[in-house]
Amino acid sequence: GIGIKCLKSILEKSGKYETVSMERQDNTILLDDNAKYIPDIKATGRAKSNRPFTAYFEYERGTHSQSDFNVKLNRMAKVTRVLNIVCPNALTVDDIVKKVKKWVELRGGNGRLGDYTVRITTLSRLNGQPNINSDDNWQAVFKLRNSAEPIMR
């Protein structure tokens, strides 16, 4: 829970969101197959065009099995095209990158996943970033329309 609380604080301090919630009850999304997706953090705000948006963040320590990780990403992919994953350190980022590659492979490759973007980084890298929503501020970014390999920064 400490990592999620730290992430919530970073998102709040960024000033990019109107609300930032880690309340499971408020964040629970019922999916069409009666499954639930409960993001670690749900943040809402307004884009420059004043259009409302919602961003979802998962805090991953790399302890999930591949199959549990796949379930989480599959559920997340039902509610958003941008999958944000924040990790405690660079070693965990490397582990999560491998798990995302396997998830992409199991879903039939990047061509089958269309417009999804998976972004992975560490808490420390997001801390103090002027624009958390910019891909440039994330350590690994999968643009699945283009490639099954991440852009590493």
Protein backbone atom coordinates (compact mmCIF):
# COMPACT_ATOMS: atom_id res chain seq x y z
CA GLY A 1 0.00 0.00 0.00
CA ILE A 2 2.91 2.40 0.57
CA GLY A 3 3.82 2.48 -3.14
CA ILE A 4 0.22 3.21 -4.13
CA LYS A 5 0.03 6.02 -1.56
CA CYS A 6 3.29 7.49 -2.91
CA LEU A 7 1.95 7.29 -6.47
CA LYS A 8 -1.28 9.00 -5.41
CA SER A 9 0.73 11.80 -3.81
CA ILE A 10 2.87 12.24 -6.95
CA LEU A 11 -0.24 12.42 -9.16
CA GLU A 12 -1.90 14.94 -6.85
CA LYS A 13 1.21 17.13 -6.68
CA SER A 14 1.52 17.13 -10.48
CA GLY A 15 -1.55 19.37 -10.75
CA LYS A 16 -2.65 17.51 -13.90
CA TYR A 17 -5.71 15.88 -12.34
CA GLU A 18 -8.91 17.15 -10.74
CA THR A 19 -9.38 13.97 -8.70
CA VAL A 20 -7.03 11.16 -7.72
CA SER A 21 -8.58 8.18 -5.94
CA MET A 22 -7.23 4.94 -4.56
CA GLU A 23 -10.56 3.96 -2.97
CA ARG A 24 -11.46 0.46 -4.17
CA GLN A 25 -15.18 1.01 -3.72
CA ASP A 26 -15.17 4.22 -5.80
CA ASN A 27 -12.86 2.82 -8.47
CA THR A 28 -14.53 -0.55 -9.10
CA ILE A 29 -15.64 -1.01 -12.72
CA LEU A 30 -18.02 -3.83 -13.59
CA LEU A 31 -17.07 -5.35 -16.93
CA ASP A 32 -19.48 -6.85 -19.44
CA ASP A 33 -18.55 -10.43 -18.48
CA ASN A 34 -19.44 -9.77 -14.79
CA ALA A 35 -15.75 -9.52 -13.94
CA LYS A 36 -14.46 -6.45 -12.11
CA TYR A 37 -11.53 -4.19 -12.81
CA ILE A 38 -10.33 -2.31 -9.75
CA PRO A 39 -7.47 0.03 -10.64
CA ASP A 40 -5.00 0.94 -7.94
CA ILE A 41 -5.56 4.59 -8.85
CA LYS A 42 -8.16 6.36 -10.94
CA ALA A 43 -7.42 9.97 -11.87
CA THR A 44 -9.70 12.38 -13.69
CA GLY A 45 -8.99 15.70 -15.31
CA ARG A 46 -9.52 17.89 -18.35
CA ALA A 47 -7.42 17.95 -21.50
CA LYS A 48 -6.29 21.23 -23.07
CA SER A 49 -9.43 21.09 -25.20
CA ASN A 50 -11.42 21.01 -21.92
CA ARG A 51 -12.54 17.46 -22.75
CA PRO A 52 -12.75 15.29 -19.62
CA PHE A 53 -10.46 12.27 -19.33
CA THR A 54 -9.84 9.41 -16.94
CA ALA A 55 -6.45 7.77 -16.43
CA TYR A 56 -5.84 4.49 -14.65
CA PHE A 57 -2.63 3.54 -12.88
CA GLU A 58 -1.42 0.19 -11.58
CA TYR A 59 1.40 -0.14 -9.08
CA GLU A 60 3.30 -3.35 -9.78
CA ARG A 61 5.98 -4.93 -7.63
CA GLY A 62 6.54 -7.82 -10.04
CA THR A 63 5.07 -10.44 -7.71
CA HIS A 64 2.14 -11.55 -9.92
CA SER A 65 2.41 -14.74 -11.94
CA GLN A 66 2.28 -14.26 -15.70
CA SER A 67 -1.31 -15.57 -15.81
CA ASP A 68 -2.50 -13.21 -13.04
CA PHE A 69 -0.71 -10.32 -14.76
CA ASN A 70 -2.43 -11.21 -18.05
CA VAL A 71 -5.84 -11.16 -16.36
CA LYS A 72 -5.10 -7.73 -14.91
CA LEU A 73 -3.98 -6.30 -18.27
CA ASN A 74 -6.92 -7.87 -20.10
CA ARG A 75 -9.33 -6.25 -17.66
CA MET A 76 -7.52 -2.93 -17.83
CA ALA A 77 -7.60 -3.06 -21.63
CA LYS A 78 -11.39 -3.25 -21.51
CA VAL A 79 -11.61 0.23 -19.98
CA THR A 80 -8.65 2.17 -21.37
CA ARG A 81 -6.30 2.30 -24.36
CA VAL A 82 -3.39 3.61 -22.23
CA LEU A 83 -2.20 1.13 -19.61
CA ASN A 84 -0.05 2.93 -17.02
CA ILE A 85 2.13 0.74 -14.82
CA VAL A 86 4.35 2.19 -12.11
CA CYS A 87 7.03 0.13 -10.35
CA PRO A 88 9.20 0.62 -7.27
CA ASN A 89 12.54 0.23 -9.10
CA ALA A 90 14.29 -0.40 -12.42
CA LEU A 91 14.61 -4.17 -11.85
CA THR A 92 10.85 -4.43 -11.52
CA VAL A 93 10.41 -2.33 -14.67
CA ASP A 94 12.56 -4.89 -16.53
CA ASP A 95 10.44 -7.74 -15.18
CA ILE A 96 7.18 -6.01 -16.12
CA VAL A 97 8.50 -5.27 -19.63
CA LYS A 98 9.07 -9.02 -20.09
CA LYS A 99 5.57 -9.79 -18.81
CA VAL A 100 4.03 -7.21 -21.16
CA LYS A 101 5.91 -8.76 -24.10
CA LYS A 102 4.52 -12.17 -23.15
CA TRP A 103 1.00 -10.69 -22.78
CA VAL A 104 1.27 -9.18 -26.27
CA GLU A 105 2.43 -12.53 -27.67
CA LEU A 106 -0.44 -14.39 -25.98
CA ARG A 107 -2.95 -11.85 -27.34
CA GLY A 108 -1.80 -12.62 -30.89
CA GLY A 109 0.93 -10.03 -31.34
CA ASN A 110 0.96 -6.27 -31.50
CA GLY A 111 -1.05 -6.17 -34.75
CA ARG A 112 -4.03 -7.66 -32.93
CA LEU A 113 -3.89 -5.05 -30.15
CA GLY A 114 -4.38 -1.96 -32.32
CA ASP A 115 -4.15 1.39 -30.60
CA TYR A 116 -3.09 0.26 -27.14
CA THR A 117 -0.18 1.93 -25.41
CA VAL A 118 1.46 0.37 -22.36
CA ARG A 119 3.65 2.70 -20.32
CA ILE A 120 5.95 1.52 -17.54
CA THR A 121 8.17 3.53 -15.21
CA THR A 122 9.40 3.91 -11.65
CA LEU A 123 7.89 6.08 -8.93
CA SER A 124 11.08 8.13 -8.73
CA ARG A 125 11.02 8.87 -12.46
CA LEU A 126 7.45 10.23 -12.29
CA ASN A 127 8.12 12.30 -9.20
CA GLY A 128 8.30 15.97 -10.14
CA GLN A 129 7.64 15.43 -13.86
CA PRO A 130 5.96 18.44 -15.45
CA ASN A 131 3.66 16.28 -17.59
CA ILE A 132 3.01 12.75 -16.36
CA ASN A 133 0.75 12.13 -19.37
CA SER A 134 3.60 12.55 -21.85
CA ASP A 135 5.14 9.29 -23.10
CA ASP A 136 8.56 10.97 -22.83
CA ASN A 137 8.37 10.77 -19.04
CA TRP A 138 7.97 6.98 -18.95
CA GLN A 139 10.87 4.52 -18.96
CA ALA A 140 9.36 1.95 -21.35
CA VAL A 141 6.54 2.65 -23.80
CA PHE A 142 4.87 0.02 -25.96
CA LYS A 143 3.07 1.57 -28.96
CA LEU A 144 1.38 -1.66 -29.97
CA ARG A 145 0.11 -0.36 -33.29
CA ASN A 146 3.74 -0.07 -34.36
CA SER A 147 5.72 -2.76 -32.54
CA ALA A 148 5.73 -5.45 -29.87
CA GLU A 149 9.01 -3.98 -28.60
CA PRO A 150 9.04 -1.06 -26.18
CA ILE A 151 10.73 2.26 -26.71
CA MET A 152 13.19 2.48 -23.82
CA ARG A 153 14.19 5.81 -22.38
